[in-house]
Amino acid sequence: MIRIEGLSYTYDDGTHALKRVDMDFNAGRSIGIIGANGSGKSTLLLAVMGVIKASSGRITVQDELLKFGKKRLRQHRQHVNMVFQDPEKQIFFSRIYDDVAFGLRNLDMDEKLIHKKVRSSLDKVDMTPLGNKPVHFLSYGQKKRVSIAGILAMDPEVILMDEPSSGLDPQMKESLKRIIHTQSRDRRIVVSSHDMDFIYEVCDYIYVLSGGQVIGEGTPTKVFLDKGLLERASLKMPWLAAIHAYLGFPLERSAKELFENDRRSKNEEGNNIGQFWNDTSGYKRKDD
């Protein structure tokens, strides 16, 4: 699908934002790109979108080199599109329906087909009942879902998400996790974030950036149990990996899986994960 080879980017002031980055987005259905602030994550996504042109290296999409002519970029963005960190930068219309339909109308698509695609996209992000509501009445999290719906309506093969969990409350984060899990069945999802708990749960392959360079890659368990790698990248271990590494609890990919394992085993092993979670985050298990 998308391969990045030797990609470098230098800002006008001489800052090296990316340094010979190699990535293969065929490595998983949902790819995580992690790193501290300033590590090059957003710059990389902008390069993949064709918003900025790399100083050197190459990006290929379906074995074709990314080119920067107006027509070629227009075609490229029908296959690869991006959900920006701030939804305000991606919402242009006062009514939700019209905003989601914006990209499709630019393609001169038949209005009946547009209606079908818009309704389907709103349904995928649980926003169908609010389709005619003015955008300025929405919460930040709802606006983020509208921006995702607008991208889904275009039906790209690859969706890039820059810090998608930023600014979301816990309920909205859970909703976003479900959207990513569902959509990654039909397309590639690439998520850039410094939210390690979020990345650990939604991604199946991860690249670690530091100072514009890839310093590690692999499955979530491989990356997040490598304490040395995380220290070099100035990142923390996700809580699910941490309680495995430091407290010996089973290594699971979600709280739900961990609690289900706990219910099966605590009579035999004396585990008390529910109490640990209560003490550290205020979560209350239904059967406590």
Protein backbone atom coordinates (compact mmCIF):
# COMPACT_ATOMS: atom_id res chain seq x y z
CA MET A 1 0.00 0.00 0.00
CA ILE A 2 2.23 2.85 1.26
CA ARG A 3 5.99 2.58 1.61
CA ILE A 4 8.28 5.31 2.88
CA GLU A 5 11.96 5.02 1.98
CA GLY A 6 14.77 7.23 3.23
CA LEU A 7 12.41 10.16 3.83
CA SER A 8 13.99 13.35 5.14
CA TYR A 9 12.53 16.82 5.66
CA THR A 10 14.31 20.01 6.67
CA TYR A 11 12.48 23.20 7.64
CA ASP A 12 13.53 26.57 6.24
CA ASP A 13 15.35 27.39 9.48
CA GLY A 14 17.56 24.33 9.05
CA THR A 15 15.76 22.09 11.58
CA HIS A 16 15.84 18.42 10.53
CA ALA A 17 12.29 17.23 11.20
CA LEU A 18 12.69 13.81 9.55
CA LYS A 19 15.92 11.89 8.99
CA ARG A 20 15.94 8.96 6.54
CA VAL A 21 12.66 7.46 7.73
CA ASP A 22 11.69 3.99 6.46
CA MET A 23 8.17 2.63 7.05
CA ASP A 24 5.87 0.07 5.44
CA PHE A 25 2.16 0.56 6.13
CA ASN A 26 1.53 -3.02 4.98
CA ALA A 27 2.90 -4.14 8.35
CA GLY A 28 -0.56 -4.01 9.96
CA ARG A 29 -4.18 -2.99 9.55
CA SER A 30 -3.82 -0.18 12.10
CA ILE A 31 -0.37 1.36 12.27
CA GLY A 32 0.76 3.43 15.24
CA ILE A 33 3.38 6.18 14.96
CA ILE A 34 4.49 7.22 18.42
CA GLY A 35 6.93 9.68 19.84
CA ALA A 36 7.22 12.65 22.15
CA ASN A 37 6.21 16.14 21.02
CA GLY A 38 8.58 17.32 18.31
CA SER A 39 9.60 13.83 17.25
CA GLY A 40 8.33 14.32 13.67
CA LYS A 41 4.97 12.52 13.77
CA SER A 42 2.80 15.29 12.30
CA THR A 43 5.44 16.23 9.74
CA LEU A 44 5.53 12.64 8.54
CA LEU A 45 1.74 12.49 8.06
CA LEU A 46 1.76 15.80 6.16
CA ALA A 47 4.43 14.38 3.87
CA VAL A 48 2.38 11.23 3.24
CA MET A 49 -0.64 13.43 2.43
CA GLY A 50 1.44 15.46 -0.02
CA VAL A 51 0.90 18.68 1.96
CA ILE A 52 4.67 19.12 2.24
CA LYS A 53 7.36 17.79 -0.09
CA ALA A 54 10.21 15.82 1.44
CA SER A 55 13.76 17.11 1.08
CA SER A 56 14.85 13.62 0.02
CA GLY A 57 13.58 10.05 -0.09
CA ARG A 58 10.41 8.67 -1.61
CA ILE A 59 6.82 7.74 -0.82
CA THR A 60 5.12 5.11 -2.97
CA VAL A 61 1.41 4.32 -2.98
CA GLN A 62 0.50 1.02 -4.62
CA ASP A 63 4.01 1.00 -6.11
CA GLU A 64 3.50 4.44 -7.72
CA LEU A 65 5.68 7.34 -6.65
CA LEU A 66 3.83 10.20 -4.94
CA LYS A 67 3.96 13.20 -7.30
CA PHE A 68 3.01 16.80 -6.61
CA GLY A 69 1.09 17.96 -9.65
CA LYS A 70 -2.39 19.31 -8.84
CA LYS A 71 -4.17 16.50 -10.70
CA ARG A 72 -1.99 13.76 -9.18
CA LEU A 73 -2.45 15.09 -5.64
CA ARG A 74 -6.22 15.25 -6.15
CA GLN A 75 -6.17 11.59 -7.18
CA HIS A 76 -3.83 10.72 -4.31
CA ARG A 77 -6.19 12.20 -1.71
CA GLN A 78 -9.05 10.07 -2.95
CA HIS A 79 -6.99 7.08 -1.82
CA VAL A 80 -5.21 8.58 1.19
CA ASN A 81 -6.89 11.13 3.46
CA MET A 82 -6.31 12.62 6.88
CA VAL A 83 -8.19 13.47 10.07
CA PHE A 84 -6.39 16.46 11.57
CA GLN A 85 -5.86 16.92 15.30
CA ASP A 86 -8.09 20.01 15.49
CA PRO A 87 -11.55 19.32 13.97
CA GLU A 88 -12.14 23.06 13.58
CA LYS A 89 -9.57 23.00 10.75
CA GLN A 90 -11.58 20.36 8.91
CA ILE A 91 -15.16 21.57 9.32
CA PHE A 92 -16.32 24.20 6.81
CA PHE A 93 -20.12 24.22 6.90
CA SER A 94 -22.64 25.18 9.56
CA ARG A 95 -24.75 22.02 9.10
CA ILE A 96 -23.30 18.57 9.82
CA TYR A 97 -24.81 16.94 6.73
CA ASP A 98 -23.39 19.57 4.37
CA ASP A 99 -19.95 19.30 5.91
CA VAL A 100 -19.78 15.52 5.50
CA ALA A 101 -21.05 15.89 1.91
CA PHE A 102 -18.46 18.56 1.04
CA GLY A 103 -15.79 16.29 -0.47
CA LEU A 104 -18.31 14.23 -2.42
CA ARG A 105 -19.91 17.33 -3.95
CA ASN A 106 -16.47 18.49 -5.06
CA LEU A 107 -16.30 15.28 -7.09
CA ASP A 108 -19.61 16.17 -8.81
CA MET A 109 -21.22 13.02 -7.47
CA ASP A 110 -24.94 12.42 -7.93
CA GLU A 111 -26.89 13.86 -4.99
CA LYS A 112 -28.75 10.61 -4.32
CA LEU A 113 -25.47 8.74 -3.99
CA ILE A 114 -24.10 11.54 -1.82
CA HIS A 115 -27.09 11.20 0.50
CA LYS A 116 -26.50 7.46 0.81
CA LYS A 117 -22.80 7.88 1.56
CA VAL A 118 -23.33 10.69 4.07
CA ARG A 119 -25.95 8.77 6.01
CA SER A 120 -23.74 5.67 6.04
CA SER A 121 -20.73 7.67 7.28
CA LEU A 122 -22.71 9.40 10.02
CA ASP A 123 -24.02 6.03 11.13
CA LYS A 124 -20.48 4.65 11.40
CA VAL A 125 -19.54 7.39 13.89
CA ASP A 126 -22.89 7.32 15.77
CA MET A 127 -23.92 10.79 14.57
CA THR A 128 -26.95 10.00 12.38
CA PRO A 129 -29.56 11.57 14.73
CA LEU A 130 -27.61 14.85 14.67
CA GLY A 131 -27.21 15.12 10.87
CA ASN A 132 -29.20 18.34 10.56
CA LYS A 133 -27.87 19.96 13.71
CA PRO A 134 -25.71 23.12 13.43
CA VAL A 135 -22.03 22.31 13.94
CA HIS A 136 -21.51 25.12 16.49
CA PHE A 137 -23.83 23.30 18.93
CA LEU A 138 -21.57 20.24 19.02
CA SER A 139 -19.02 19.29 21.66
CA TYR A 140 -15.35 18.99 20.74
CA GLY A 141 -15.63 15.20 20.62
CA GLN A 142 -18.70 15.34 18.39
CA LYS A 143 -16.91 17.70 16.02
CA LYS A 144 -14.05 15.22 15.84
CA ARG A 145 -16.51 12.48 14.87
CA VAL A 146 -17.97 14.74 12.16
CA SER A 147 -14.49 15.27 10.72
CA ILE A 148 -13.98 11.48 10.69
CA ALA A 149 -17.36 11.00 8.98
CA GLY A 150 -16.33 13.43 6.26
CA ILE A 151 -13.24 11.33 5.53
CA LEU A 152 -15.16 8.03 5.67
CA ALA A 153 -17.65 9.37 3.14
CA MET A 154 -14.78 9.65 0.64
CA ASP A 155 -14.02 5.95 1.24
CA PRO A 156 -10.21 6.20 1.11
CA GLU A 157 -8.02 3.12 1.30
CA VAL A 158 -5.81 4.74 3.95
CA ILE A 159 -6.88 7.12 6.73
CA LEU A 160 -4.23 9.08 8.60
CA MET A 161 -5.18 10.30 12.09
CA ASP A 162 -3.08 12.93 13.86
CA GLU A 163 -3.52 12.79 17.66
CA PRO A 164 -7.14 11.58 17.37
CA SER A 165 -7.64 11.03 21.12
CA SER A 166 -6.39 14.50 22.10
CA GLY A 167 -8.97 16.47 24.08
CA LEU A 168 -11.49 13.63 24.30
CA ASP A 169 -13.22 12.50 27.48
CA PRO A 170 -13.08 8.77 28.39
CA GLN A 171 -16.45 7.96 26.77
CA MET A 172 -15.48 9.64 23.50
CA LYS A 173 -12.13 7.80 23.54
CA GLU A 174 -13.92 4.47 23.83
CA SER A 175 -16.19 5.44 20.93
CA LEU A 176 -13.14 6.37 18.83
CA LYS A 177 -11.47 3.04 19.64
CA ARG A 178 -14.55 1.21 18.32
CA ILE A 179 -14.53 3.30 15.14
CA ILE A 180 -10.85 2.53 14.49
CA HIS A 181 -11.25 -1.19 15.22
CA THR A 182 -14.25 -1.40 12.87
CA GLN A 183 -12.80 0.67 10.04
CA SER A 184 -9.42 -1.06 10.08
CA ARG A 185 -11.15 -4.19 8.78
CA ASP A 186 -11.78 -2.48 5.43
CA ARG A 187 -8.85 -0.05 5.13
CA ARG A 188 -5.51 0.91 6.64
CA ILE A 189 -5.65 3.26 9.62
CA VAL A 190 -2.46 5.13 10.58
CA VAL A 191 -2.58 6.77 14.00
CA SER A 192 -0.02 9.31 15.21
CA SER A 193 -0.13 9.93 18.97
CA HIS A 194 1.75 10.32 22.23
CA ASP A 195 -1.19 8.69 24.08
CA MET A 196 0.38 5.30 24.77
CA ASP A 197 -2.69 3.69 26.37
CA PHE A 198 -4.75 4.56 23.29
CA ILE A 199 -2.15 3.35 20.79
CA TYR A 200 -1.62 0.10 22.69
CA GLU A 201 -5.30 -0.80 22.36
CA VAL A 202 -6.00 0.24 18.75
CA CYS A 203 -2.83 -0.52 16.78
CA ASP A 204 -1.35 -3.84 15.69
CA TYR A 205 2.03 -2.53 14.49
CA ILE A 206 4.01 0.43 15.80
CA TYR A 207 6.85 2.69 14.69
CA VAL A 208 8.72 4.71 17.32
CA LEU A 209 10.06 8.14 16.34
CA SER A 210 12.63 10.21 18.20
CA GLY A 211 14.36 13.27 16.81
CA GLY A 212 12.87 12.59 13.39
CA GLN A 213 14.27 9.06 13.19
CA VAL A 214 12.73 5.61 13.53
CA ILE A 215 14.40 4.10 16.60
CA GLY A 216 12.20 1.01 16.93
CA GLU A 217 9.27 -0.89 15.47
CA GLY A 218 7.21 -4.00 16.03
CA THR A 219 4.04 -5.35 17.58
CA PRO A 220 2.53 -3.49 20.56
CA THR A 221 3.79 -6.07 23.05
CA LYS A 222 7.31 -5.99 21.60
CA VAL A 223 7.52 -2.19 21.58
CA PHE A 224 5.81 -1.46 24.89
CA LEU A 225 7.70 -4.06 26.92
CA ASP A 226 11.03 -2.63 25.74
CA LYS A 227 11.77 -0.28 28.65
CA GLY A 228 15.02 0.94 27.11
CA LEU A 229 13.31 1.86 23.84
CA LEU A 230 10.56 3.80 25.64
CA GLU A 231 13.13 5.68 27.72
CA ARG A 232 15.06 6.67 24.59
CA ALA A 233 11.83 7.98 23.05
CA SER A 234 10.75 9.75 26.29
CA LEU A 235 7.55 7.71 26.40
CA LYS A 236 5.76 5.87 29.18
CA MET A 237 4.60 2.28 29.27
CA PRO A 238 0.82 1.81 28.82
CA TRP A 239 -0.88 0.86 32.08
CA LEU A 240 -1.87 -2.58 30.76
CA ALA A 241 1.76 -3.34 29.93
CA ALA A 242 2.99 -1.76 33.18
CA ILE A 243 0.90 -3.93 35.51
CA HIS A 244 2.16 -6.95 33.59
CA ALA A 245 5.81 -5.87 33.73
CA TYR A 246 5.85 -4.65 37.34
CA LEU A 247 3.02 -6.53 39.08
CA GLY A 248 2.88 -9.79 37.16
CA PHE A 249 -0.72 -9.49 35.94
CA PRO A 250 -1.62 -11.20 32.62
CA LEU A 251 -0.69 -9.20 29.52
CA GLU A 252 -3.91 -8.22 27.73
CA ARG A 253 -4.75 -5.67 25.02
CA SER A 254 -7.77 -4.08 26.75
CA ALA A 255 -9.23 -3.56 30.21
CA LYS A 256 -12.21 -5.73 29.24
CA GLU A 257 -9.95 -8.68 28.36
CA LEU A 258 -7.97 -8.19 31.57
CA PHE A 259 -11.07 -8.18 33.78
CA GLU A 260 -12.53 -11.23 32.02
CA ASN A 261 -9.25 -13.05 32.65
CA ASP A 262 -9.36 -11.89 36.26
CA ARG A 263 -12.86 -13.27 36.79
CA ARG A 264 -11.74 -16.66 35.51
CA SER A 265 -8.57 -16.85 37.54
CA LYS A 266 -8.82 -14.83 40.76
CA ASN A 267 -10.31 -17.69 42.78
CA GLU A 268 -7.32 -19.83 41.85
CA GLU A 269 -4.57 -17.20 41.96
CA GLY A 270 -5.93 -14.53 44.30
CA ASN A 271 -5.72 -11.74 41.70
CA ASN A 272 -7.42 -8.49 42.58
CA ILE A 273 -7.14 -6.43 39.40
CA GLY A 274 -10.50 -4.78 39.96
CA GLN A 275 -9.32 -3.33 43.27
CA PHE A 276 -6.03 -2.16 41.68
CA TRP A 277 -7.99 -0.37 38.92
CA ASN A 278 -10.32 1.20 41.50
CA ASP A 279 -7.38 2.55 43.48
CA THR A 280 -5.51 3.97 40.50
CA SER A 281 -8.23 5.34 38.21
CA GLY A 282 -11.55 5.37 40.01
CA TYR A 283 -13.03 2.69 37.76
CA LYS A 284 -15.78 0.60 39.39
CA ARG A 285 -16.40 -2.93 38.15
CA LYS A 286 -20.06 -3.88 37.86
CA ASP A 287 -19.60 -7.02 39.94
CA ASP A 288 -17.57 -5.35 42.75
